Protein backbone atom coordinates (compact mmCIF):
# COMPACT_ATOMS: atom_id res chain seq x y z
CA MET A 1 361.23 180.53 3.79
CA PRO A 2 357.48 178.81 4.73
CA PRO A 3 357.79 178.59 8.03
CA ILE A 4 359.19 182.63 8.56
CA GLN A 5 355.68 183.39 6.95
CA GLN A 6 353.61 181.69 9.50
CA GLN A 7 354.77 183.02 12.15
CA GLN A 8 354.42 186.97 10.94
CA THR A 9 350.46 185.89 10.10
CA SER A 10 350.33 184.77 13.69
CA ARG A 11 351.14 188.15 15.04
CA GLY A 12 349.45 190.36 12.77
CA GLY A 13 346.21 188.43 14.24
CA LEU A 14 347.55 189.17 17.91
CA ILE A 15 348.36 192.90 17.22
CA ALA A 16 344.61 193.11 15.60
CA ALA A 17 343.42 191.32 18.32
CA LEU A 18 344.91 193.47 20.78
CA VAL A 19 343.60 197.09 18.60
CA VAL A 20 340.11 196.07 19.07
CA SER A 21 340.38 195.07 22.59
CA ILE A 22 341.52 198.65 23.62
CA VAL A 23 339.14 200.01 21.29
CA PHE A 24 336.23 198.51 23.19
CA ALA A 25 337.65 199.22 26.84
CA VAL A 26 338.24 202.87 25.47
CA GLY A 27 334.52 202.76 24.39
CA PHE A 28 333.38 201.11 27.56
CA LEU A 29 334.97 203.66 29.85
CA ILE A 30 333.44 206.52 27.68
CA TRP A 31 330.01 204.62 27.91
CA ALA A 32 330.93 204.31 31.61
CA PHE A 33 331.52 207.95 32.42
CA MET A 34 328.53 209.32 30.45
CA SER A 35 326.05 207.10 32.41
CA ASN A 36 327.61 207.82 35.68
CA ALA A 37 326.96 211.34 34.84
CA ASP A 38 323.57 211.23 33.87
CA LEU A 39 323.17 208.99 37.09
CA THR A 40 324.34 211.36 38.90
CA ARG A 41 322.26 214.17 37.55
CA ALA A 42 319.42 211.69 38.19
CA GLN A 43 319.87 211.52 41.69
CA ASN A 44 320.15 215.20 42.06
CA GLU A 45 317.20 215.85 40.11
CA ASN A 46 315.59 212.98 43.07
CA LEU A 47 317.39 214.66 46.13
CA ALA A 48 315.87 218.07 44.91
CA LEU A 49 312.23 216.61 44.01
CA LYS A 50 312.65 214.89 47.73
CA THR A 51 313.48 218.18 49.26
CA LYS A 52 310.62 219.80 47.91
CA TYR A 53 307.94 217.74 48.03
CA GLY A 54 309.03 216.39 51.51
CA LYS A 55 306.74 218.40 53.44
CA VAL A 56 303.36 217.46 51.39
CA ILE A 57 303.63 213.55 51.49
CA GLY A 58 306.00 211.66 53.59
CA GLU A 59 308.05 209.00 52.07
CA GLY A 60 306.33 206.34 53.34
CA SER A 61 303.26 206.99 51.72
CA LEU A 62 304.91 206.36 48.32
CA GLY A 63 304.56 202.55 48.33
CA ASN A 64 300.89 203.14 48.31
CA ILE A 65 300.37 204.90 44.58
CA GLY A 66 299.75 201.66 42.76
CA ASP A 67 296.94 201.00 45.23
CA LEU A 68 295.91 205.04 44.75
CA GLN A 69 296.19 204.31 41.29
CA GLY A 70 293.79 201.54 41.47
CA GLN A 71 290.87 203.21 43.31
CA MET A 72 290.68 205.83 41.03
CA SER A 73 290.42 203.54 38.30
CA LEU A 74 286.52 202.55 36.94
CA ASP A 75 287.83 199.76 35.75
CA PRO A 76 289.23 197.42 37.83
CA GLU A 77 291.52 196.03 34.39
CA LYS A 78 292.44 199.27 33.16
CA PRO A 79 293.63 201.17 36.21
CA ARG A 80 294.30 204.75 35.40
CA THR A 81 297.20 206.45 36.14
CA VAL A 82 297.19 209.54 38.59
CA ASN A 83 300.02 211.36 41.04
CA LEU A 84 300.11 210.57 44.71
CA VAL A 85 298.42 214.31 45.47
CA ASP A 86 295.40 214.01 42.75
CA ALA A 87 294.93 210.39 44.01
CA ALA A 88 295.07 211.40 47.68
CA ILE A 89 292.34 214.67 47.40
CA GLU A 90 290.18 212.31 45.29
CA GLN A 91 290.14 209.60 47.90
CA ARG A 92 289.52 212.32 50.20
CA ASN A 93 286.27 213.96 48.10
CA SER A 94 284.90 210.45 48.04
CA LEU A 95 285.13 209.67 51.51
CA VAL A 96 283.50 212.90 52.06
CA ARG A 97 280.51 211.90 49.23
CA LEU A 98 280.12 208.84 50.84
CA ILE A 99 279.79 210.35 54.98
CA SER A 100 277.75 213.16 54.11
CA GLY A 101 276.01 212.25 51.06
CA ALA A 102 277.16 215.45 48.99
CA GLU A 103 279.67 217.20 47.77
CA GLY A 104 281.48 219.32 51.22
CA THR A 105 284.91 219.69 53.08
CA GLU A 106 286.49 217.15 54.88
CA LYS A 107 285.75 219.21 58.05
CA LYS A 108 281.73 219.34 57.50
CA ALA A 109 282.38 215.26 57.02
CA THR A 110 284.09 214.90 60.71
CA ASP A 111 281.18 217.18 62.18
CA ASP A 112 278.39 215.36 60.57
CA VAL A 113 280.31 212.23 61.87
CA LEU A 114 280.97 213.31 65.58
CA SER A 115 277.34 215.18 65.70
CA THR A 116 275.68 211.64 64.28
CA ILE A 117 277.71 209.80 67.12
CA ALA A 118 277.02 212.18 69.85
CA ALA A 119 273.26 212.01 68.83
CA LEU A 120 273.02 208.13 69.17
CA LYS A 121 274.86 207.88 72.24
CA ASP A 122 272.61 210.34 74.11
CA PRO A 123 269.07 208.10 75.26
CA LYS A 124 267.44 211.08 75.22
CA MET A 125 267.83 211.90 71.43
CA ASN A 126 267.30 208.26 71.17
CA PRO A 127 265.11 206.55 73.18
CA ALA A 128 264.74 203.62 71.07
CA LEU A 129 268.24 202.82 71.33
CA GLN A 130 268.25 202.21 75.13
CA GLY A 131 269.74 198.97 76.19
CA VAL A 132 271.87 199.49 73.22
CA ALA A 133 275.41 199.22 74.85
CA ILE A 134 278.00 201.19 72.56
CA PRO A 135 281.42 201.44 73.09
CA GLU A 136 283.17 203.98 74.49
CA ASN A 137 285.82 205.16 71.45
CA ALA A 138 283.66 203.00 68.88
CA GLY A 139 284.29 204.53 65.39
CA LEU A 140 281.26 205.29 63.04
CA THR A 141 281.90 201.74 61.35
CA ALA A 142 281.43 199.89 64.88
CA ILE A 143 278.61 201.96 65.81
CA VAL A 144 276.96 201.33 62.22
CA LYS A 145 277.14 197.86 62.54
CA THR A 146 276.07 197.79 66.61
CA LEU A 147 272.97 199.62 65.13
CA ALA A 148 272.52 197.22 61.88
CA ASP A 149 272.64 194.21 64.63
CA LYS A 150 270.19 196.02 66.59
CA ALA A 151 267.48 196.72 63.89
CA LYS A 152 268.07 192.87 62.86
CA ASN A 153 267.11 192.03 66.90
CA ASP A 154 264.19 194.31 66.41
CA ALA A 155 263.21 193.04 63.15
CA ASP A 156 263.21 189.51 64.74
CA ALA A 157 261.42 190.72 67.73
CA VAL A 158 259.09 191.85 65.40
CA LYS A 159 258.60 189.26 63.24
CA LYS A 160 258.22 186.88 66.56
CA ALA A 161 255.90 188.99 67.87
CA ASN A 162 253.79 189.17 64.50
CA ASP A 163 253.63 184.93 64.66
CA ASP A 164 252.34 185.40 68.50
CA LEU A 165 249.75 187.85 67.72
CA LYS A 166 248.72 185.53 64.68
CA SER A 167 248.41 182.47 66.71
CA ALA A 168 247.02 184.60 69.32
CA ASN A 169 244.44 185.94 66.71
CA GLN A 170 243.98 182.25 65.50
CA GLN A 171 243.16 180.89 69.42
CA LEU A 172 240.87 184.38 69.71
CA GLN A 173 238.90 183.42 66.93
CA ALA A 174 238.38 179.95 67.96
CA GLY A 175 237.45 180.72 71.36
CA MET A 176 235.04 183.29 70.04
CA ALA A 177 233.46 180.27 67.68
CA SER A 178 233.08 178.05 70.93
CA GLN A 179 231.88 180.75 73.00
CA LYS A 180 229.52 181.68 70.39
CA ASP A 181 228.28 178.31 70.28
CA GLU A 182 228.06 178.49 74.30
CA ILE A 183 225.92 181.90 74.15
CA ALA A 184 223.67 180.24 71.70
CA LYS A 185 223.13 177.13 73.91
CA ARG A 186 222.75 179.59 77.05
CA ASP A 187 220.39 181.45 75.08
CA ALA A 188 218.12 178.55 74.36
CA ALA A 189 218.08 177.45 77.58
CA VAL A 190 217.11 180.98 78.86
CA ALA A 191 214.48 181.20 76.60
CA GLU A 192 213.04 177.48 77.60
CA ALA A 193 213.62 178.79 81.50
CA GLN A 194 211.91 181.87 80.72
CA ALA A 195 209.02 180.13 79.49
CA ALA A 196 208.72 177.79 82.65
CA MET A 197 209.03 181.43 84.64
CA ASN A 198 205.72 182.56 82.31
CA LYS A 199 204.21 179.38 82.96
CA ALA A 200 204.97 179.06 86.90
CA VAL A 201 204.08 182.81 87.05
CA ALA A 202 200.74 182.30 86.05
CA ASP A 203 200.50 179.39 87.95
CA ALA A 204 201.37 181.58 91.09
CA LYS A 205 198.75 184.15 89.95
CA ALA A 206 196.17 181.92 90.08
CA ALA A 207 197.50 180.17 93.25
CA ILE A 208 197.32 183.38 94.80
CA ASP A 209 194.14 184.54 93.35
CA ASP A 210 192.87 180.88 94.73
CA LYS A 211 194.72 182.42 98.33
CA GLN A 212 193.69 185.57 98.33
CA LYS A 213 190.08 184.37 98.49
CA GLN A 214 190.61 182.00 101.13
CA VAL A 215 192.25 184.59 103.19
CA ASP A 216 189.18 187.09 102.59
CA ASP A 217 186.86 183.99 104.03
CA PHE A 218 189.45 183.65 107.10
CA SER A 219 189.46 187.46 107.58
CA ALA A 220 186.05 187.34 107.64
CA LYS A 221 185.47 184.24 110.28
CA ALA A 222 188.51 186.22 112.03
CA ALA A 223 186.61 189.38 112.23
CA ALA A 224 183.35 187.85 113.32
CA SER A 225 185.14 185.69 116.42
CA ASP A 226 187.51 189.02 117.43
CA LYS A 227 185.26 190.63 119.44
CA ALA A 228 184.48 187.20 121.15
CA MET A 229 188.52 186.85 121.92
CA THR A 230 188.69 190.23 123.42
CA ASP A 231 186.51 189.66 125.59
CA ARG A 232 188.31 186.24 126.52
CA ASP A 233 191.25 188.18 126.88
CA ALA A 234 189.51 190.35 128.97
CA GLU A 235 188.59 187.58 131.43
CA VAL A 236 191.48 185.70 131.21
CA GLN A 237 193.76 188.90 132.65
CA VAL A 238 191.20 189.19 135.81
CA GLN A 239 191.92 185.56 136.43
CA THR A 240 195.35 186.12 136.16
CA GLN A 241 195.80 189.02 138.41
CA THR A 242 193.76 187.18 140.84
CA LEU A 243 195.69 184.08 140.43
CA GLN A 244 198.78 186.23 141.02
CA ARG A 245 197.71 188.20 143.99
CA SER A 246 196.82 184.56 145.65
CA LEU A 247 200.06 183.31 144.70
CA ALA A 248 201.88 186.07 146.39
CA LYS A 249 200.22 185.66 149.44
CA ALA A 250 200.44 182.18 149.41
CA LYS A 251 204.27 182.86 148.91
CA SER A 252 204.07 185.59 152.39
CA ASP A 253 202.56 182.66 154.25
CA TYR A 254 205.26 180.42 153.08
CA GLU A 255 207.97 182.24 153.77
CA ALA A 256 206.19 183.10 157.54
CA LEU A 257 205.81 179.58 158.09
CA LEU A 258 209.36 178.94 157.25
CA GLY A 259 210.90 181.45 159.41
CA LYS A 260 208.49 180.11 162.40
CA PHE A 261 209.99 176.72 161.88
CA ALA A 262 213.23 177.62 161.99
CA GLN A 263 212.41 178.77 165.29
CA TYR A 264 211.85 175.18 166.38
CA ARG A 265 214.55 173.32 164.37
CA PRO A 266 216.73 171.55 165.90
CA ASN A 267 219.90 172.98 166.97
CA VAL A 268 222.05 170.36 165.24
CA LYS A 269 225.16 172.77 165.73
CA ASP A 270 225.13 171.45 169.33
CA SER A 271 222.82 168.41 169.06
CA ILE A 272 224.52 166.51 166.47
CA VAL A 273 227.80 168.46 165.58
CA ARG A 274 229.06 168.19 168.91
CA ASN A 275 227.20 164.95 169.80
CA VAL A 276 229.21 162.62 171.54
CA ASP A 277 228.97 158.68 169.85
CA ALA A 278 231.05 156.61 172.44
CA THR A 279 233.88 156.43 174.56
CA ILE A 280 237.52 154.94 174.69
CA THR A 281 237.02 152.36 177.71
CA GLN A 282 240.42 151.09 177.38
CA VAL A 283 243.93 151.77 176.07
CA ALA A 284 245.88 148.90 174.66
CA PRO A 285 249.52 148.63 173.48
CA ASP A 286 250.32 148.48 169.28
CA SER A 287 248.08 151.65 168.71
CA VAL A 288 244.66 149.41 169.95
CA CYS A 289 242.00 150.61 172.20
CA TYR A 290 237.97 149.67 172.92
CA ILE A 291 234.82 151.70 172.56
CA ASN A 292 231.86 151.06 174.28
CA LEU A 293 229.32 150.21 170.86
CA GLY A 294 228.54 146.83 170.26
CA PHE A 295 226.40 144.47 167.89
CA GLY A 296 223.72 146.26 169.28
CA ASP A 297 224.48 149.77 168.46
CA HIS A 298 224.71 149.22 164.75
CA VAL A 299 228.43 149.73 164.07
CA SER A 300 230.62 147.67 161.90
CA PRO A 301 234.14 147.11 160.78
CA GLY A 302 235.48 150.05 158.52
CA LEU A 303 233.52 153.12 160.70
CA THR A 304 235.65 155.90 161.92
CA PHE A 305 235.90 158.29 164.70
CA GLU A 306 237.39 161.53 165.92
CA VAL A 307 238.79 161.29 169.15
CA TYR A 308 238.81 164.45 171.20
CA ASP A 309 239.82 165.00 174.81
CA LYS A 310 237.48 164.73 177.65
CA PHE A 311 237.88 167.73 178.89
CA GLU A 312 238.21 170.11 176.16
CA GLY A 313 234.95 168.08 174.14
CA ILE A 314 234.08 168.53 170.54
CA PRO A 315 234.68 172.05 169.23
CA LYS A 316 232.18 173.75 167.15
CA ILE A 317 231.29 173.99 163.64
CA GLY A 318 232.24 177.45 163.02
CA ASP A 319 232.29 178.79 159.51
CA GLY A 320 231.93 175.49 158.15
CA THR A 321 233.20 176.41 154.82
CA SER A 322 236.67 178.22 156.21
CA SER A 323 239.59 176.64 155.92
CA LEU A 324 240.78 177.56 159.60
CA ASP A 325 240.17 176.20 162.56
CA MET A 326 239.19 172.67 161.70
CA PRO A 327 237.80 170.33 164.11
CA LYS A 328 241.16 168.09 164.52
CA GLY A 329 241.07 166.00 167.66
CA LYS A 330 244.14 163.90 169.17
CA ALA A 331 243.26 161.30 166.65
CA SER A 332 241.43 158.89 164.84
CA LEU A 333 240.37 155.77 165.33
CA GLU A 334 238.60 153.23 162.76
CA ILE A 335 237.08 149.96 163.93
CA ILE A 336 238.53 146.83 162.88
CA SER A 337 236.01 144.34 165.03
CA VAL A 338 232.59 144.34 166.57
CA GLY A 339 232.23 142.97 170.31
CA GLN A 340 229.11 142.54 172.12
CA ASN A 341 229.33 145.42 174.43
CA SER A 342 233.01 146.87 172.77
CA SER A 343 234.35 147.21 169.48
CA GLN A 344 238.30 146.84 168.71
CA CYS A 345 240.02 149.76 166.90
CA ARG A 346 243.06 150.75 165.91
CA VAL A 347 244.21 154.39 166.49
CA LEU A 348 245.43 156.32 162.80
CA GLY A 349 247.20 159.40 162.95
CA THR A 350 247.86 160.74 166.53
CA LYS A 351 248.39 164.30 166.74
CA SER A 352 251.99 165.46 167.51
CA GLY A 353 252.78 165.48 171.41
CA ALA A 354 248.84 163.99 172.40
CA THR A 355 247.95 160.35 173.45
CA VAL A 356 244.52 158.64 173.60
CA ALA A 357 243.87 157.73 177.14
CA GLN A 358 240.94 155.94 178.45
CA GLY A 359 237.22 158.62 178.81
CA ASP A 360 238.28 160.62 175.26
CA LEU A 361 235.07 161.62 173.32
CA CYS A 362 234.49 159.67 170.16
CA ALA A 363 232.55 161.37 167.21
CA ASN A 364 231.03 160.54 163.80
CA LEU A 365 228.86 163.33 162.37
CA VAL A 366 227.21 160.83 160.51
CA TYR A 367 226.96 157.76 162.91
CA ASP A 368 223.88 158.28 165.26
CA LYS A 369 222.56 154.71 166.82
CA ASN A 370 218.75 156.94 167.16
CA ILE A 371 218.71 158.57 164.07
CA LYS A 372 219.42 159.07 160.32
CA PRO A 373 220.93 162.50 159.43
CA VAL A 374 219.91 163.51 155.55
CA PHE A 375 223.03 165.11 153.88
CA TYR A 376 223.15 167.34 150.26
CA VAL A 377 226.65 167.01 148.88
CA TYR A 378 227.03 169.61 146.32
CA GLY A 379 230.12 170.64 143.98
CA LYS A 380 233.55 168.91 143.04
CA PHE A 381 235.65 167.07 145.52
CA ASP A 382 239.39 166.75 145.84
CA MET A 383 239.24 163.19 148.23
CA ASP A 384 242.38 161.81 146.80
CA GLN A 385 244.37 165.06 147.91
CA ASN A 386 245.85 165.62 144.10
CA GLY A 387 244.98 169.02 143.89
CA VAL A 388 242.56 168.63 141.28
CA ALA A 389 238.60 168.60 142.52
CA THR A 390 236.19 166.73 140.28
CA GLU A 391 232.59 165.82 140.45
CA ALA A 392 232.93 162.38 140.41
CA GLU A 393 234.52 162.20 143.84
CA ALA A 394 231.69 163.94 145.54
CA GLU A 395 230.33 159.86 145.01
CA VAL A 396 233.07 159.12 147.53
CA ILE A 397 231.21 161.21 149.92
CA LYS A 398 227.33 160.17 149.33
CA ASN A 399 228.82 156.57 149.62
CA LEU A 400 230.54 156.80 152.93
CA ILE A 401 227.33 158.81 154.30
CA THR A 402 225.01 155.70 153.08
CA ARG A 403 227.53 153.15 154.66
CA TRP A 404 227.96 155.04 158.14
CA GLY A 405 223.75 155.03 157.87
CA GLY A 406 223.21 158.48 156.93
CA LYS A 407 220.74 159.69 154.16
CA ILE A 408 221.38 161.36 150.54
CA SER A 409 218.81 164.27 149.50
CA ASP A 410 218.99 165.64 146.02
CA LYS A 411 217.91 169.63 146.77
CA VAL A 412 218.13 171.71 149.44
CA ASN A 413 214.92 171.67 151.65
CA ILE A 414 213.69 171.82 155.41
CA ASP A 415 214.41 167.99 155.84
CA VAL A 416 218.23 168.32 155.40
CA ASP A 417 220.03 168.49 158.37
CA PHE A 418 223.88 169.13 156.72
CA VAL A 419 225.15 170.70 153.52
CA VAL A 420 229.02 169.26 152.42
CA PHE A 421 230.53 171.02 149.86
CA GLY A 422 233.32 170.62 147.55
CA LYS A 423 235.56 173.22 146.69
CA GLU A 424 234.39 176.94 145.96
CA PRO A 425 234.69 177.73 142.20
CA THR A 426 236.75 180.23 141.38
CA ILE A 427 236.85 182.64 138.25
CA PRO A 428 239.78 182.99 136.32
CA THR A 429 241.58 186.24 135.83
CA TYR A 430 241.98 187.08 132.09
CA SER A 431 243.05 189.87 130.03
CA ALA A 432 240.37 191.82 127.41
CA GLU A 433 242.78 190.24 124.95
CA GLU A 434 242.12 186.90 126.23
CA LEU A 435 238.21 187.16 126.81
CA ALA A 436 238.68 187.65 123.21
CA GLN A 437 239.05 184.17 122.46
CA PRO A 438 235.87 182.08 122.54
CA LEU A 439 237.44 179.09 124.37
CA GLN A 440 239.21 181.29 127.23
CA LYS A 441 235.74 183.36 127.16
CA ALA A 442 233.36 180.00 127.65
CA LYS A 443 235.72 178.95 130.55
CA ALA A 444 234.73 182.74 132.17
CA ASP A 445 231.41 181.80 131.48
CA GLU A 446 231.46 178.31 132.78
CA ALA A 447 233.14 179.34 136.48
CA LYS A 448 231.05 182.61 136.82
CA ALA A 449 227.86 180.07 136.32
CA ALA A 450 229.79 177.60 138.59
CA LEU A 451 230.32 180.23 141.65
CA GLU A 452 226.35 181.48 141.62
CA ALA A 453 225.08 178.35 141.86
CA TYR A 454 227.70 177.51 144.33
CA ASN A 455 226.69 180.55 146.11
CA LYS A 456 222.72 179.90 145.87
CA ILE A 457 222.99 176.39 147.60
CA ARG A 458 224.77 178.18 150.20
CA ASP A 459 222.26 180.92 150.97
CA GLU A 460 219.22 178.56 150.40
CA ALA A 461 220.89 176.64 153.27
CA VAL A 462 221.28 179.70 155.35
CA SER A 463 218.33 180.87 155.17
CA LEU A 464 216.65 177.53 156.49
CA HIS A 465 219.03 177.45 158.72
CA ILE A 466 221.32 173.97 157.66
CA PRO A 467 224.79 174.10 158.80
CA VAL A 468 227.07 174.03 155.60
CA MET A 469 230.61 172.72 156.06
CA ASN A 470 233.61 172.15 152.86
CA GLN A 471 235.13 168.78 152.15
CA ASN A 472 237.68 168.57 155.40
CA ARG A 473 235.56 169.68 157.78
CA PHE A 474 233.39 167.37 157.19
CA LEU A 475 236.46 164.67 157.19
CA TYR A 476 237.44 165.76 160.28
CA TYR A 477 234.33 165.53 161.65
CA THR A 478 233.75 161.93 160.92
CA GLY A 479 237.11 160.78 161.99
CA TYR A 480 238.24 160.19 158.00
CA PHE A 481 240.34 162.62 157.05
CA ASP A 482 243.52 160.66 158.12
CA SER A 483 242.08 157.48 156.05
CA SER A 484 241.33 159.36 152.67
CA LYS A 485 245.25 160.03 152.21
CA LYS A 486 245.92 156.61 152.23
């Protein structure tokens, strides 16, 4: 029977467990239904609240309630719990106080910020901020930071300026101390110089007094001799007037004598210029000819002659300084050897179409076997025909004259037979601006003086009836023109 009892006990336990499970499941279902009813009610209430306050605060702002609550607490460790709207209102009021410095409205704070920004950006209202770059859309914080940086830079600049001023003051003080010492030294030097000057003045006064005494003595002596000097001056004036009258009469007599002498002066234009010195006695081949001058006629190799036609004769001198109508002959001759009664010559520079013939006339203005003509040579000459006349080349003319038997005079007087002129001076043409330059003016003055001297010599020669000629005319009359070009 025992096994039957054990089976009954196991079934009772199972039934009890089943009953308990059913009771627990029924209870859980009842609790679930009740919880679901509370959740549905809470969701409905939450939806109603969102609908009611959705226009006041956005749903995204709900997440910041903790931050706003923390900001409203004076003690960060004990945050004060407030609702979202009160927190926002209190935050706005705090910002208004921070911006305006007092209680006010959000509009007043906004107007204060905008007016302040406009004033800071207007250079007329804030000239001190000129040069400070404020961004166009900068907010108040950025502007305040910019002003803070400007203030710091200004403070640094002021500090540097103060340091520079302090250094400059120190240098000024040192300079003033040095200048004070220098002034003291100069004052001492001035005092010393003043003392020396006072002594010099005293010495000068004594010397002036002494000199004044000497002047008074001299004045007395001068006054005593003044009358004698006046009488002597009157006598000298009478003598001077007498001498001047005598000199004027002597000059007049001299000019009269010159006039008379000129009437009796030999006509050198005919007797010397046109005088025939030799004739051609024979014409040989190879440009060689012979003239009737030998050892006894004082000729030598190198002497030249101009050859003129025996029928036409030697031309007149004409206007001796003109470059026209030169007395050019058929040719020119140069003696190459001298014989007993004749001389062998080389024919030079034969004129185109002309031939040297027996009986043609030979002349050299300087050469004369009976007399020694006197020449005065003046000016600058161009013997090498290079276009530049120099005073040195005048010596070539003088050497030719003395070599051919003539004489040279150092001035124009009644003993001179001919005056040979170099190139006539010309005055350069300068503008007024060029004459303002010292070098150009000096050249013009020098040329003017040279032309005046040239004309004076020519006038003196004309007044004494002395023939004048230029370089080329002289060279033709002596037969040396062609030789001078070699």
